[in-house]
Amino acid sequence: MRKFVVISAIIITLLILGMYTALQFKYNSLERSLKEHLLTVEGYSESDLVSIKAKFASMPKFPVYVRFTDDPDTEYIFTDRDASDWKQLDPKEPQRLKKVNH
């Protein structure tokens, strides 16, 4: 019985670590993708960005929050809609993406 409990605890720990690692990988991937989009497509520079942080939420599942140098107190929310098609979700002005996303 004790052996079963130890093996179960190890399996559960490995599953939790695996899920945590996969989630961190997803966050890092989204943050890199949005940063690349803002720099190459939208024309922002590194110095225009204060922070980019992906989080887990209910809708959308993985929003990415960005703070810009010219408005550091405001978090702009973006999503890639699982297709690398970045869109600003919140109605805050200014709209940070230059191209129109429908």
Protein backbone atom coordinates (compact mmCIF):
# COMPACT_ATOMS: atom_id res chain seq x y z
CA MET A 1 0.00 0.00 0.00
CA ARG A 2 2.78 2.42 0.88
CA LYS A 3 4.53 1.73 -2.42
CA PHE A 4 1.30 2.56 -4.28
CA VAL A 5 0.98 5.91 -2.42
CA VAL A 6 4.60 6.84 -3.19
CA ILE A 7 4.26 5.94 -6.87
CA SER A 8 0.95 7.84 -7.10
CA ALA A 9 2.52 10.91 -5.47
CA ILE A 10 5.44 10.80 -7.94
CA ILE A 11 3.09 10.46 -10.92
CA ILE A 12 0.89 13.33 -9.72
CA THR A 13 3.96 15.52 -9.12
CA LEU A 14 5.29 14.76 -12.61
CA LEU A 15 1.92 15.55 -14.17
CA ILE A 16 1.70 18.88 -12.33
CA LEU A 17 5.26 19.80 -13.33
CA GLY A 18 4.53 18.83 -16.92
CA MET A 19 1.39 20.96 -17.07
CA TYR A 20 3.22 23.90 -15.46
CA THR A 21 6.08 23.59 -17.95
CA ALA A 22 3.66 23.42 -20.90
CA LEU A 23 1.81 26.50 -19.64
CA GLN A 24 5.05 28.46 -19.23
CA PHE A 25 6.09 27.44 -22.74
CA LYS A 26 2.74 28.71 -24.09
CA TYR A 27 3.13 32.02 -22.23
CA ASN A 28 6.67 32.52 -23.52
CA SER A 29 5.63 31.65 -27.06
CA LEU A 30 2.75 34.15 -27.03
CA GLU A 31 4.90 36.89 -25.51
CA ARG A 32 7.66 36.38 -28.12
CA SER A 33 5.15 36.26 -30.97
CA LEU A 34 3.38 39.47 -29.93
CA LYS A 35 6.68 41.25 -29.34
CA GLU A 36 7.91 40.22 -32.79
CA HIS A 37 4.61 41.41 -34.30
CA LEU A 38 4.78 44.77 -32.54
CA LEU A 39 8.41 45.31 -33.62
CA THR A 40 8.31 44.04 -37.20
CA VAL A 41 4.73 44.61 -38.39
CA GLU A 42 3.53 47.51 -36.25
CA GLY A 43 6.81 49.45 -36.25
CA TYR A 44 7.34 49.79 -32.51
CA SER A 45 10.86 49.72 -31.08
CA GLU A 46 12.15 47.88 -28.00
CA SER A 47 12.19 51.19 -26.13
CA ASP A 48 8.43 51.65 -26.78
CA LEU A 49 7.60 48.54 -24.73
CA VAL A 50 7.59 48.44 -20.93
CA SER A 51 6.25 44.89 -20.49
CA ILE A 52 4.54 42.01 -22.25
CA LYS A 53 2.89 39.38 -20.07
CA ALA A 54 0.65 36.45 -21.06
CA LYS A 55 -1.82 35.06 -18.54
CA PHE A 56 -4.46 32.36 -18.31
CA ALA A 57 -8.08 33.55 -18.34
CA SER A 58 -11.52 32.32 -19.26
CA MET A 59 -12.11 34.49 -22.34
CA PRO A 60 -9.86 34.61 -24.27
CA LYS A 61 -7.98 31.70 -22.85
CA PHE A 62 -4.55 33.36 -23.18
CA PRO A 63 -4.70 37.17 -23.24
CA VAL A 64 -1.42 39.05 -23.51
CA TYR A 65 -1.10 42.30 -21.56
CA VAL A 66 1.20 45.02 -22.89
CA ARG A 67 2.35 48.27 -21.32
CA PHE A 68 3.83 50.95 -23.56
CA THR A 69 6.37 53.59 -22.57
CA ASP A 70 4.07 56.48 -23.54
CA ASP A 71 1.23 55.09 -21.35
CA PRO A 72 2.84 52.88 -18.65
CA ASP A 73 -0.20 52.90 -16.34
CA THR A 74 -2.48 51.26 -18.92
CA GLU A 75 -2.47 47.57 -19.81
CA TYR A 76 -3.53 46.89 -23.40
CA ILE A 77 -4.99 43.43 -23.97
CA PHE A 78 -4.21 41.43 -27.10
CA THR A 79 -5.05 37.96 -28.39
CA ASP A 80 -3.76 36.00 -31.34
CA ARG A 81 -7.00 34.02 -31.75
CA ASP A 82 -4.82 30.87 -32.00
CA ALA A 83 -3.71 31.88 -35.48
CA SER A 84 -0.95 34.51 -35.06
CA ASP A 85 -3.53 37.10 -36.10
CA TRP A 86 -3.01 39.64 -33.33
CA LYS A 87 -5.96 41.79 -32.29
CA GLN A 88 -6.37 44.38 -29.55
CA LEU A 89 -9.33 43.35 -27.42
CA ASP A 90 -9.96 46.31 -25.21
CA PRO A 91 -11.52 49.48 -26.58
CA LYS A 92 -8.85 51.71 -25.04
CA GLU A 93 -7.51 54.52 -27.11
CA PRO A 94 -5.19 54.70 -28.82
CA GLN A 95 -5.62 51.50 -30.74
CA ARG A 96 -2.10 50.09 -30.77
CA LEU A 97 -2.34 47.98 -33.90
CA LYS A 98 -2.14 49.87 -37.16
CA LYS A 99 -3.61 47.25 -39.44
CA VAL A 100 -7.33 46.61 -39.24
CA ASN A 101 -8.27 43.16 -37.89
CA HIS A 102 -11.78 41.88 -38.48
